[in-house]
Amino acid sequence: MITKNVGKKEGIFRIVLGLGLLALPPMFQFPVWATTVTYGFGLVALITGIIGYCPGWHLFGINTCHKDDSNQSTN
């Protein structure tokens, strides 16, 4: 069971950032390597924002949830 460690505001920010990064390569002529990196960061930001869990935050012991939010788990 995964405990959420990404707060609501940060989750919204990650979703917006992820969608923005995913929209960049089709709008501009990026080299293949830059497109791959941009899509990778965009997907990670989007997924962590949606599920509310960031493995990096877990590794460093960071939790941006309020006490009420962090007790909820995702499936």
PDB file of N, CA and C in Angstrom:
ATOM      1  N   MET A   1       0.852  -1.174   0.000  1.00  0.00           N
ATOM      2  CA  MET A   1       0.000   0.000   0.000  1.00  0.00           C
ATOM      3  C   MET A   1       0.901   1.242   0.000  1.00  0.00           C
ATOM      4  N   ILE A   2       0.594   2.176  -0.877  1.00  0.00           N
ATOM      5  CA  ILE A   2       1.388   3.389  -1.012  1.00  0.00           C
ATOM      6  C   ILE A   2       0.719   4.529  -0.246  1.00  0.00           C
ATOM      7  N   THR A   3       1.484   5.203   0.614  1.00  0.00           N
ATOM      8  CA  THR A   3       0.978   6.362   1.339  1.00  0.00           C
ATOM      9  C   THR A   3       1.310   7.610   0.529  1.00  0.00           C
ATOM     10  N   LYS A   4       0.321   8.467   0.364  1.00  0.00           N
ATOM     11  CA  LYS A   4       0.544   9.698  -0.397  1.00  0.00           C
ATOM     12  C   LYS A   4       1.592  10.561   0.287  1.00  0.00           C
ATOM     13  N   ASN A   5       2.462  11.167  -0.517  1.00  0.00           N
ATOM     14  CA  ASN A   5       3.449  12.098   0.040  1.00  0.00           C
ATOM     15  C   ASN A   5       3.530  13.387  -0.785  1.00  0.00           C
ATOM     16  N   VAL A   6       2.573  13.579  -1.698  1.00  0.00           N
ATOM     17  CA  VAL A   6       2.497  14.794  -2.519  1.00  0.00           C
ATOM     18  C   VAL A   6       1.185  15.495  -2.169  1.00  0.00           C
ATOM     19  N   GLY A   7       1.292  16.728  -1.689  1.00  0.00           N
ATOM     20  CA  GLY A   7       0.110  17.491  -1.310  1.00  0.00           C
ATOM     21  C   GLY A   7      -0.726  17.909  -2.506  1.00  0.00           C
ATOM     22  N   LYS A   8      -1.919  18.438  -2.236  1.00  0.00           N
ATOM     23  CA  LYS A   8      -2.856  18.809  -3.302  1.00  0.00           C
ATOM     24  C   LYS A   8      -2.302  19.906  -4.201  1.00  0.00           C
ATOM     25  N   LYS A   9      -1.760  20.961  -3.617  1.00  0.00           N
ATOM     26  CA  LYS A   9      -1.222  22.059  -4.423  1.00  0.00           C
ATOM     27  C   LYS A   9      -0.041  21.590  -5.262  1.00  0.00           C
ATOM     28  N   GLU A  10       0.837  20.813  -4.656  1.00  0.00           N
ATOM     29  CA  GLU A  10       1.981  20.294  -5.401  1.00  0.00           C
ATOM     30  C   GLU A  10       1.520  19.330  -6.490  1.00  0.00           C
ATOM     31  N   GLY A  11       0.491  18.534  -6.197  1.00  0.00           N
ATOM     32  CA  GLY A  11      -0.044  17.610  -7.195  1.00  0.00           C
ATOM     33  C   GLY A  11      -0.599  18.350  -8.403  1.00  0.00           C
ATOM     34  N   ILE A  12      -1.326  19.428  -8.152  1.00  0.00           N
ATOM     35  CA  ILE A  12      -1.864  20.241  -9.252  1.00  0.00           C
ATOM     36  C   ILE A  12      -0.721  20.847 -10.060  1.00  0.00           C
ATOM     37  N   PHE A  13       0.294  21.360  -9.363  1.00  0.00           N
ATOM     38  CA  PHE A  13       1.462  21.924 -10.044  1.00  0.00           C
ATOM     39  C   PHE A  13       2.139  20.870 -10.916  1.00  0.00           C
ATOM     40  N   ARG A  14       2.308  19.663 -10.385  1.00  0.00           N
ATOM     41  CA  ARG A  14       2.953  18.590 -11.147  1.00  0.00           C
ATOM     42  C   ARG A  14       2.133  18.214 -12.385  1.00  0.00           C
ATOM     43  N   ILE A  15       0.816  18.180 -12.257  1.00  0.00           N
ATOM     44  CA  ILE A  15      -0.036  17.841 -13.397  1.00  0.00           C
ATOM     45  C   ILE A  15       0.077  18.908 -14.479  1.00  0.00           C
ATOM     46  N   VAL A  16       0.007  20.174 -14.097  1.00  0.00           N
ATOM     47  CA  VAL A  16       0.124  21.272 -15.062  1.00  0.00           C
ATOM     48  C   VAL A  16       1.511  21.263 -15.713  1.00  0.00           C
ATOM     49  N   LEU A  17       2.548  21.074 -14.903  1.00  0.00           N
ATOM     50  CA  LEU A  17       3.908  21.004 -15.429  1.00  0.00           C
ATOM     51  C   LEU A  17       4.054  19.831 -16.396  1.00  0.00           C
ATOM     52  N   GLY A  18       3.534  18.681 -16.015  1.00  0.00           N
ATOM     53  CA  GLY A  18       3.625  17.506 -16.870  1.00  0.00           C
ATOM     54  C   GLY A  18       2.926  17.701 -18.203  1.00  0.00           C
ATOM     55  N   LEU A  19       1.723  18.255 -18.171  1.00  0.00           N
ATOM     56  CA  LEU A  19       0.999  18.512 -19.420  1.00  0.00           C
ATOM     57  C   LEU A  19       1.730  19.530 -20.286  1.00  0.00           C
ATOM     58  N   GLY A  20       2.311  20.541 -19.638  1.00  0.00           N
ATOM     59  CA  GLY A  20       3.083  21.536 -20.383  1.00  0.00           C
ATOM     60  C   GLY A  20       4.303  20.929 -21.051  1.00  0.00           C
ATOM     61  N   LEU A  21       5.016  20.077 -20.329  1.00  0.00           N
ATOM     62  CA  LEU A  21       6.190  19.433 -20.905  1.00  0.00           C
ATOM     63  C   LEU A  21       5.811  18.476 -22.029  1.00  0.00           C
ATOM     64  N   LEU A  22       4.684  17.800 -21.898  1.00  0.00           N
ATOM     65  CA  LEU A  22       4.244  16.892 -22.960  1.00  0.00           C
ATOM     66  C   LEU A  22       3.786  17.653 -24.205  1.00  0.00           C
ATOM     67  N   ALA A  23       3.383  18.906 -24.027  1.00  0.00           N
ATOM     68  CA  ALA A  23       2.917  19.700 -25.162  1.00  0.00           C
ATOM     69  C   ALA A  23       4.058  20.383 -25.923  1.00  0.00           C
ATOM     70  N   LEU A  24       5.217  20.511 -25.309  1.00  0.00           N
ATOM     71  CA  LEU A  24       6.325  21.238 -25.947  1.00  0.00           C
ATOM     72  C   LEU A  24       6.884  20.592 -27.214  1.00  0.00           C
ATOM     73  N   PRO A  25       7.271  19.318 -27.205  1.00  0.00           N
ATOM     74  CA  PRO A  25       7.904  18.743 -28.405  1.00  0.00           C
ATOM     75  C   PRO A  25       7.063  18.823 -29.684  1.00  0.00           C
ATOM     76  N   PRO A  26       5.748  18.595 -29.647  1.00  0.00           N
ATOM     77  CA  PRO A  26       4.983  18.731 -30.891  1.00  0.00           C
ATOM     78  C   PRO A  26       4.919  20.177 -31.415  1.00  0.00           C
ATOM     79  N   MET A  27       5.060  21.158 -30.508  1.00  0.00           N
ATOM     80  CA  MET A  27       4.965  22.557 -30.916  1.00  0.00           C
ATOM     81  C   MET A  27       6.270  23.087 -31.482  1.00  0.00           C
ATOM     82  N   PHE A  28       7.403  22.502 -31.094  1.00  0.00           N
ATOM     83  CA  PHE A  28       8.714  22.975 -31.523  1.00  0.00           C
ATOM     84  C   PHE A  28       9.510  21.818 -32.109  1.00  0.00           C
ATOM     85  N   GLN A  29      10.503  22.139 -32.893  1.00  0.00           N
ATOM     86  CA  GLN A  29      11.357  21.124 -33.496  1.00  0.00           C
ATOM     87  C   GLN A  29      12.498  20.800 -32.542  1.00  0.00           C
ATOM     88  N   PHE A  30      12.273  19.860 -31.647  1.00  0.00           N
ATOM     89  CA  PHE A  30      13.313  19.430 -30.719  1.00  0.00           C
ATOM     90  C   PHE A  30      14.125  18.312 -31.360  1.00  0.00           C
ATOM     91  N   PRO A  31      15.406  18.214 -31.021  1.00  0.00           N
ATOM     92  CA  PRO A  31      16.154  17.022 -31.421  1.00  0.00           C
ATOM     93  C   PRO A  31      15.569  15.788 -30.722  1.00  0.00           C
ATOM     94  N   VAL A  32      15.864  14.626 -31.233  1.00  0.00           N
ATOM     95  CA  VAL A  32      15.286  13.395 -30.684  1.00  0.00           C
ATOM     96  C   VAL A  32      15.620  13.233 -29.208  1.00  0.00           C
ATOM     97  N   TRP A  33      16.858  13.515 -28.822  1.00  0.00           N
ATOM     98  CA  TRP A  33      17.238  13.343 -27.425  1.00  0.00           C
ATOM     99  C   TRP A  33      16.461  14.296 -26.520  1.00  0.00           C
ATOM    100  N   ALA A  34      16.252  15.533 -26.970  1.00  0.00           N
ATOM    101  CA  ALA A  34      15.524  16.512 -26.157  1.00  0.00           C
ATOM    102  C   ALA A  34      14.048  16.145 -26.058  1.00  0.00           C
ATOM    103  N   THR A  35      13.495  15.616 -27.131  1.00  0.00           N
ATOM    104  CA  THR A  35      12.098  15.159 -27.113  1.00  0.00           C
ATOM    105  C   THR A  35      11.932  14.025 -26.109  1.00  0.00           C
ATOM    106  N   THR A  36      12.859  13.082 -26.129  1.00  0.00           N
ATOM    107  CA  THR A  36      12.796  11.942 -25.210  1.00  0.00           C
ATOM    108  C   THR A  36      12.900  12.398 -23.756  1.00  0.00           C
ATOM    109  N   VAL A  37      13.830  13.289 -23.468  1.00  0.00           N
ATOM    110  CA  VAL A  37      14.004  13.791 -22.103  1.00  0.00           C
ATOM    111  C   VAL A  37      12.773  14.580 -21.655  1.00  0.00           C
ATOM    112  N   THR A  38      12.246  15.418 -22.539  1.00  0.00           N
ATOM    113  CA  THR A  38      11.079  16.233 -22.196  1.00  0.00           C
ATOM    114  C   THR A  38       9.860  15.358 -21.939  1.00  0.00           C
ATOM    115  N   TYR A  39       9.635  14.361 -22.792  1.00  0.00           N
ATOM    116  CA  TYR A  39       8.531  13.423 -22.566  1.00  0.00           C
ATOM    117  C   TYR A  39       8.721  12.650 -21.259  1.00  0.00           C
ATOM    118  N   GLY A  40       9.959  12.247 -20.964  1.00  0.00           N
ATOM    119  CA  GLY A  40      10.225  11.509 -19.727  1.00  0.00           C
ATOM    120  C   GLY A  40       9.891  12.327 -18.490  1.00  0.00           C
ATOM    121  N   PHE A  41      10.408  13.558 -18.438  1.00  0.00           N
ATOM    122  CA  PHE A  41      10.107  14.421 -17.293  1.00  0.00           C
ATOM    123  C   PHE A  41       8.615  14.754 -17.219  1.00  0.00           C
ATOM    124  N   GLY A  42       7.985  14.962 -18.365  1.00  0.00           N
ATOM    125  CA  GLY A  42       6.560  15.258 -18.393  1.00  0.00           C
ATOM    126  C   GLY A  42       5.722  14.113 -17.856  1.00  0.00           C
ATOM    127  N   LEU A  43       6.063  12.893 -18.269  1.00  0.00           N
ATOM    128  CA  LEU A  43       5.315  11.730 -17.789  1.00  0.00           C
ATOM    129  C   LEU A  43       5.503  11.505 -16.297  1.00  0.00           C
ATOM    130  N   VAL A  44       6.725  11.649 -15.823  1.00  0.00           N
ATOM    131  CA  VAL A  44       6.985  11.474 -14.388  1.00  0.00           C
ATOM    132  C   VAL A  44       6.202  12.514 -13.579  1.00  0.00           C
ATOM    133  N   ALA A  45       6.245  13.765 -14.003  1.00  0.00           N
ATOM    134  CA  ALA A  45       5.520  14.821 -13.283  1.00  0.00           C
ATOM    135  C   ALA A  45       4.017  14.563 -13.312  1.00  0.00           C
ATOM    136  N   LEU A  46       3.500  14.174 -14.459  1.00  0.00           N
ATOM    137  CA  LEU A  46       2.061  13.921 -14.599  1.00  0.00           C
ATOM    138  C   LEU A  46       1.622  12.741 -13.737  1.00  0.00           C
ATOM    139  N   ILE A  47       2.349  11.646 -13.806  1.00  0.00           N
ATOM    140  CA  ILE A  47       1.964  10.447 -13.053  1.00  0.00           C
ATOM    141  C   ILE A  47       2.063  10.673 -11.547  1.00  0.00           C
ATOM    142  N   THR A  48       3.151  11.289 -11.086  1.00  0.00           N
ATOM    143  CA  THR A  48       3.285  11.528  -9.649  1.00  0.00           C
ATOM    144  C   THR A  48       2.237  12.521  -9.151  1.00  0.00           C
ATOM    145  N   GLY A  49       1.847  13.474  -9.999  1.00  0.00           N
ATOM    146  CA  GLY A  49       0.788  14.408  -9.613  1.00  0.00           C
ATOM    147  C   GLY A  49      -0.567  13.735  -9.523  1.00  0.00           C
ATOM    148  N   ILE A  50      -0.829  12.801 -10.419  1.00  0.00           N
ATOM    149  CA  ILE A  50      -2.125  12.110 -10.431  1.00  0.00           C
ATOM    150  C   ILE A  50      -2.250  11.141  -9.263  1.00  0.00           C
ATOM    151  N   ILE A  51      -1.210  10.322  -9.034  1.00  0.00           N
ATOM    152  CA  ILE A  51      -1.325   9.313  -7.971  1.00  0.00           C
ATOM    153  C   ILE A  51      -1.003   9.874  -6.585  1.00  0.00           C
ATOM    154  N   GLY A  52      -0.330  11.025  -6.520  1.00  0.00           N
ATOM    155  CA  GLY A  52      -0.042  11.646  -5.230  1.00  0.00           C
ATOM    156  C   GLY A  52       1.122  11.023  -4.490  1.00  0.00           C
ATOM    157  N   TYR A  53       1.960  10.281  -5.194  1.00  0.00           N
ATOM    158  CA  TYR A  53       3.113   9.644  -4.565  1.00  0.00           C
ATOM    159  C   TYR A  53       4.345   9.884  -5.417  1.00  0.00           C
ATOM    160  N   CYS A  54       5.429  10.302  -4.780  1.00  0.00           N
ATOM    161  CA  CYS A  54       6.692  10.523  -5.467  1.00  0.00           C
ATOM    162  C   CYS A  54       7.770   9.674  -4.793  1.00  0.00           C
ATOM    163  N   PRO A  55       8.353   8.704  -5.525  1.00  0.00           N
ATOM    164  CA  PRO A  55       9.399   7.878  -4.934  1.00  0.00           C
ATOM    165  C   PRO A  55      10.614   8.693  -4.472  1.00  0.00           C
ATOM    166  N   GLY A  56      10.931   9.768  -5.172  1.00  0.00           N
ATOM    167  CA  GLY A  56      12.038  10.630  -4.761  1.00  0.00           C
ATOM    168  C   GLY A  56      11.773  11.280  -3.415  1.00  0.00           C
ATOM    169  N   TRP A  57      10.557  11.747  -3.203  1.00  0.00           N
ATOM    170  CA  TRP A  57      10.202  12.345  -1.913  1.00  0.00           C
ATOM    171  C   TRP A  57      10.280  11.285  -0.825  1.00  0.00           C
ATOM    172  N   HIS A  58       9.859  10.062  -1.145  1.00  0.00           N
ATOM    173  CA  HIS A  58       9.930   8.970  -0.168  1.00  0.00           C
ATOM    174  C   HIS A  58      11.383   8.685   0.207  1.00  0.00           C
ATOM    175  N   LEU A  59      12.260   8.663  -0.780  1.00  0.00           N
ATOM    176  CA  LEU A  59      13.676   8.392  -0.554  1.00  0.00           C
ATOM    177  C   LEU A  59      14.313   9.414   0.393  1.00  0.00           C
ATOM    178  N   PHE A  60      13.932  10.688   0.239  1.00  0.00           N
ATOM    179  CA  PHE A  60      14.492  11.749   1.073  1.00  0.00           C
ATOM    180  C   PHE A  60      13.649  12.062   2.313  1.00  0.00           C
ATOM    181  N   GLY A  61      12.549  11.335   2.512  1.00  0.00           N
ATOM    182  CA  GLY A  61      11.710  11.537   3.690  1.00  0.00           C
ATOM    183  C   GLY A  61      10.879  12.800   3.657  1.00  0.00           C
ATOM    184  N   ILE A  62      10.565  13.296   2.457  1.00  0.00           N
ATOM    185  CA  ILE A  62       9.783  14.524   2.310  1.00  0.00           C
ATOM    186  C   ILE A  62       8.309  14.167   2.142  1.00  0.00           C
ATOM    187  N   ASN A  63       7.446  14.894   2.834  1.00  0.00           N
ATOM    188  CA  ASN A  63       6.005  14.694   2.708  1.00  0.00           C
ATOM    189  C   ASN A  63       5.356  16.073   2.692  1.00  0.00           C
ATOM    190  N   THR A  64       4.736  16.434   1.568  1.00  0.00           N
ATOM    191  CA  THR A  64       4.116  17.748   1.444  1.00  0.00           C
ATOM    192  C   THR A  64       2.606  17.707   1.696  1.00  0.00           C
ATOM    193  N   CYS A  65       2.102  16.568   2.153  1.00  0.00           N
ATOM    194  CA  CYS A  65       0.681  16.456   2.475  1.00  0.00           C
ATOM    195  C   CYS A  65       0.400  17.050   3.847  1.00  0.00           C
ATOM    196  N   HIS A  66      -0.844  17.482   4.022  1.00  0.00           N
ATOM    197  CA  HIS A  66      -1.301  17.832   5.359  1.00  0.00           C
ATOM    198  C   HIS A  66      -1.532  16.525   6.102  1.00  0.00           C
ATOM    199  N   LYS A  67      -1.631  16.571   7.400  1.00  0.00           N
ATOM    200  CA  LYS A  67      -1.813  15.341   8.169  1.00  0.00           C
ATOM    201  C   LYS A  67      -3.050  14.569   7.727  1.00  0.00           C
ATOM    202  N   ASP A  68      -4.128  15.250   7.366  1.00  0.00           N
ATOM    203  CA  ASP A  68      -5.348  14.584   6.951  1.00  0.00           C
ATOM    204  C   ASP A  68      -5.168  13.884   5.610  1.00  0.00           C
ATOM    205  N   ASP A  69      -4.370  14.463   4.691  1.00  0.00           N
ATOM    206  CA  ASP A  69      -4.185  13.910   3.355  1.00  0.00           C
ATOM    207  C   ASP A  69      -3.242  12.725   3.344  1.00  0.00           C
ATOM    208  N   SER A  70      -2.227  12.707   4.201  1.00  0.00           N
ATOM    209  CA  SER A  70      -1.181  11.689   4.125  1.00  0.00           C
ATOM    210  C   SER A  70      -1.637  10.322   4.576  1.00  0.00           C
ATOM    211  N   ASN A  71      -2.732  10.233   5.311  1.00  0.00           N
ATOM    212  CA  ASN A  71      -3.228   8.939   5.774  1.00  0.00           C
ATOM    213  C   ASN A  71      -3.974   8.197   4.687  1.00  0.00           C
ATOM    214  N   GLN A  72      -4.361   8.864   3.617  1.00  0.00           N
ATOM    215  CA  GLN A  72      -5.066   8.221   2.531  1.00  0.00           C
ATOM    216  C   GLN A  72      -4.068   7.444   1.701  1.00  0.00           C
ATOM    217  N   SER A  73      -4.504   6.355   1.124  1.00  0.00           N
ATOM    218  CA  SER A  73      -3.611   5.570   0.275  1.00  0.00           C
ATOM    219  C   SER A  73      -4.210   5.481  -1.116  1.00  0.00           C
ATOM    220  N   THR A  74      -3.356   5.177  -2.090  1.00  0.00           N
ATOM    221  CA  THR A  74      -3.798   5.023  -3.459  1.00  0.00           C
ATOM    222  C   THR A  74      -3.717   3.556  -3.833  1.00  0.00           C
ATOM    223  N   ASN A  75      -4.566   3.158  -4.743  1.00  0.00           N
ATOM    224  CA  ASN A  75      -4.549   1.763  -5.202  1.00  0.00           C
ATOM    225  C   ASN A  75      -3.962   1.672  -6.564  1.00  0.00           C
TER     226      ASN A  75
END
